[in-house]
Amino acid sequence: MMKTKQLAASLALACAALTTGAAYAADVSTPSSTVDVAEGSAFFGRWVQGVAGDSFADRYAFTLTSSSNITADLFSYTNGPGTGLDITALGLYSADGTLVLGGTQIGDAATTSHWQLTTTNLAAASYYVQVSGNVLAQPAIYSGGVVSVSAVPEPATYGMLLGGLGLVGFMARRRKAA
């Protein structure tokens, strides 16, 4: 009788351990995608579908062909407090996975969360923006943003500007003297 109770208790414990494994959160990340920043900006984002407790870390890769300034804004829309997504991080990474810059949450209203990162004089190379977070509740929720790229002027550009201003000043002084 005692062995039957121990066997039943052991079986119940084993079943409980196996069923709790199903309660773990799922990773609902999408495969890394590429965004084209050649025109100066690119949109990224997706509808996130999952159940409460699921997590994600989505990557949006891009390549800079010259030294550039980068601004990335991320917005997440929800139906109200306790629903939708909890964005936990926005980061800019080099292609080898090294964190270049972490984003900052600059707004968190009841239905819209806003994150931003800005960096200047980023070298020409491959990078990706990673958005990480958790699903708070089920309906499908939208998370999206934009990466804006602007070229950093070359030193020769400043030299041409100063030379042109000097020439204009010289001509103005010469006319005044005549």
Protein backbone atom coordinates (compact mmCIF):
# COMPACT_ATOMS: atom_id res chain seq x y z
CA MET A 1 0.00 0.00 0.00
CA MET A 2 2.82 2.42 0.90
CA LYS A 3 4.64 1.71 -2.37
CA THR A 4 1.43 2.38 -4.34
CA LYS A 5 1.06 5.80 -2.69
CA GLN A 6 4.73 6.63 -3.40
CA LEU A 7 4.34 5.49 -7.00
CA ALA A 8 1.18 7.58 -7.41
CA ALA A 9 2.87 10.62 -5.86
CA SER A 10 5.92 10.19 -8.10
CA LEU A 11 3.69 9.85 -11.16
CA ALA A 12 1.71 12.96 -10.20
CA LEU A 13 4.96 14.93 -9.70
CA ALA A 14 6.32 13.77 -13.06
CA CYS A 15 3.08 14.76 -14.83
CA ALA A 16 3.14 18.17 -13.15
CA ALA A 17 6.73 18.72 -14.25
CA LEU A 18 5.91 17.77 -17.84
CA THR A 19 2.81 19.98 -18.06
CA THR A 20 4.57 23.07 -16.66
CA GLY A 21 6.98 22.91 -19.58
CA ALA A 22 4.08 23.82 -21.85
CA ALA A 23 3.50 27.00 -19.84
CA TYR A 24 6.84 28.54 -20.79
CA ALA A 25 6.70 31.62 -23.00
CA ALA A 26 7.30 31.14 -26.69
CA ASP A 27 9.73 33.13 -28.81
CA VAL A 28 7.64 34.83 -31.52
CA SER A 29 10.58 36.64 -33.19
CA THR A 30 10.61 36.96 -36.95
CA PRO A 31 13.64 36.10 -39.07
CA SER A 32 16.03 38.98 -39.64
CA SER A 33 14.91 41.22 -42.49
CA THR A 34 16.75 43.81 -44.56
CA VAL A 35 15.66 47.43 -44.96
CA ASP A 36 16.96 49.64 -47.77
CA VAL A 37 18.23 53.00 -46.49
CA ALA A 38 19.66 54.12 -49.86
CA GLU A 39 16.90 56.74 -50.25
CA GLY A 40 17.58 58.24 -46.82
CA SER A 41 15.00 56.37 -44.74
CA ALA A 42 13.30 53.01 -44.44
CA PHE A 43 10.29 51.71 -42.54
CA PHE A 44 10.37 48.58 -40.40
CA GLY A 45 7.85 46.79 -38.22
CA ARG A 46 5.26 44.04 -38.05
CA TRP A 47 2.04 42.82 -36.54
CA VAL A 48 2.99 40.80 -33.46
CA GLN A 49 0.70 37.87 -32.78
CA GLY A 50 1.18 35.78 -29.69
CA VAL A 51 -0.16 35.02 -26.27
CA ALA A 52 0.59 36.78 -23.02
CA GLY A 53 4.14 36.04 -21.90
CA ASP A 54 5.59 35.43 -25.38
CA SER A 55 8.79 37.35 -26.16
CA PHE A 56 10.42 38.60 -29.36
CA ALA A 57 13.66 40.14 -30.62
CA ASP A 58 13.24 41.31 -34.23
CA ARG A 59 16.21 42.44 -36.34
CA TYR A 60 16.16 44.89 -39.24
CA ALA A 61 19.52 44.98 -41.08
CA PHE A 62 20.89 47.74 -43.30
CA THR A 63 24.20 48.79 -44.85
CA LEU A 64 25.73 52.27 -44.87
CA THR A 65 27.88 53.10 -47.90
CA SER A 66 29.40 56.22 -46.34
CA SER A 67 29.77 57.84 -42.94
CA SER A 68 26.26 58.77 -41.79
CA ASN A 69 24.07 60.10 -39.02
CA ILE A 70 21.32 57.69 -37.91
CA THR A 71 17.99 58.31 -36.20
CA ALA A 72 15.59 55.44 -35.49
CA ASP A 73 12.12 55.96 -34.05
CA LEU A 74 9.96 53.06 -32.88
CA PHE A 75 6.27 53.20 -32.08
CA SER A 76 4.10 50.51 -30.56
CA TYR A 77 0.33 50.83 -30.53
CA THR A 78 -1.95 49.09 -28.01
CA ASN A 79 -5.61 49.02 -27.03
CA GLY A 80 -4.90 50.32 -23.54
CA PRO A 81 -2.92 49.57 -20.37
CA GLY A 82 -2.06 45.90 -19.86
CA THR A 83 -2.68 44.98 -23.49
CA GLY A 84 -0.48 44.77 -26.54
CA LEU A 85 3.29 44.86 -26.29
CA ASP A 86 5.84 45.77 -23.67
CA ILE A 87 8.82 47.02 -25.70
CA THR A 88 11.86 46.41 -23.49
CA ALA A 89 14.71 47.56 -25.75
CA LEU A 90 15.64 49.24 -29.00
CA GLY A 91 19.29 48.92 -29.98
CA LEU A 92 21.67 49.60 -32.86
CA TYR A 93 24.20 46.78 -33.40
CA SER A 94 27.13 46.24 -35.75
CA ALA A 95 26.88 43.19 -38.02
CA ASP A 96 29.01 41.13 -35.59
CA GLY A 97 26.48 41.69 -32.78
CA THR A 98 28.32 44.42 -30.86
CA LEU A 99 25.97 46.99 -29.32
CA VAL A 100 26.68 50.41 -30.84
CA LEU A 101 23.93 52.36 -29.11
CA GLY A 102 20.88 51.63 -26.98
CA GLY A 103 17.63 53.45 -27.54
CA THR A 104 15.73 55.54 -25.03
CA GLN A 105 12.04 55.40 -24.26
CA ILE A 106 10.87 58.97 -24.72
CA GLY A 107 7.14 58.49 -24.37
CA ASP A 108 4.73 55.94 -22.98
CA ALA A 109 1.12 56.98 -23.27
CA ALA A 110 -1.79 54.64 -22.59
CA THR A 111 -1.94 53.45 -26.20
CA THR A 112 1.38 54.47 -27.81
CA SER A 113 4.95 53.72 -26.75
CA HIS A 114 7.77 55.74 -28.41
CA TRP A 115 11.46 54.78 -28.43
CA GLN A 116 14.31 56.62 -30.17
CA LEU A 117 18.02 56.30 -30.82
CA THR A 118 20.27 58.86 -32.50
CA THR A 119 23.95 58.66 -33.37
CA THR A 120 26.26 60.78 -35.48
CA ASN A 121 29.19 60.01 -37.74
CA LEU A 122 28.58 56.25 -37.96
CA ALA A 123 31.18 54.53 -40.16
CA ALA A 124 30.26 52.84 -43.44
CA ALA A 125 29.46 49.20 -42.57
CA SER A 126 26.58 46.79 -41.99
CA TYR A 127 24.33 47.28 -38.95
CA TYR A 128 20.98 46.18 -37.61
CA VAL A 129 18.30 47.65 -35.38
CA GLN A 130 16.88 45.17 -32.86
CA VAL A 131 13.48 45.57 -31.21
CA SER A 132 12.90 43.41 -28.12
CA GLY A 133 9.84 42.98 -25.99
CA ASN A 134 7.06 40.86 -24.56
CA VAL A 135 3.44 40.25 -25.51
CA LEU A 136 1.12 41.42 -22.73
CA ALA A 137 -2.19 40.28 -24.16
CA GLN A 138 -3.62 38.79 -27.28
CA PRO A 139 -4.96 40.77 -30.01
CA ALA A 140 -2.41 41.30 -32.77
CA ILE A 141 -0.53 44.52 -32.06
CA TYR A 142 1.49 46.71 -34.40
CA SER A 143 5.06 47.72 -33.74
CA GLY A 144 6.80 49.85 -36.35
CA GLY A 145 9.34 52.54 -36.92
CA VAL A 146 11.61 54.33 -39.32
CA VAL A 147 15.38 54.50 -39.73
CA SER A 148 16.58 57.83 -41.14
CA VAL A 149 20.05 58.21 -42.60
CA SER A 150 21.79 61.45 -43.54
CA ALA A 151 25.29 61.72 -44.95
CA VAL A 152 28.04 63.37 -42.94
CA PRO A 153 29.67 66.12 -45.03
CA GLU A 154 33.22 65.35 -46.13
CA PRO A 155 36.00 67.71 -44.92
CA ALA A 156 36.47 68.85 -48.52
CA THR A 157 32.88 70.15 -48.49
CA TYR A 158 33.69 72.47 -45.60
CA GLY A 159 36.85 73.63 -47.40
CA MET A 160 34.83 74.46 -50.52
CA LEU A 161 32.28 76.34 -48.40
CA LEU A 162 34.95 78.43 -46.66
CA GLY A 163 36.73 79.08 -49.96
CA GLY A 164 33.47 80.23 -51.56
CA LEU A 165 32.65 82.53 -48.65
CA GLY A 166 36.15 83.98 -48.77
CA LEU A 167 35.81 84.62 -52.51
CA VAL A 168 32.41 86.33 -52.03
CA GLY A 169 33.89 88.50 -49.25
CA PHE A 170 36.89 89.41 -51.42
CA MET A 171 34.63 90.40 -54.33
CA ALA A 172 32.37 92.47 -52.05
CA ARG A 173 35.36 94.31 -50.60
CA ARG A 174 36.80 94.94 -54.06
CA ARG A 175 33.51 96.40 -55.31
CA LYS A 176 33.24 98.64 -52.25
CA ALA A 177 36.75 100.00 -52.84
CA ALA A 178 35.96 100.78 -56.50
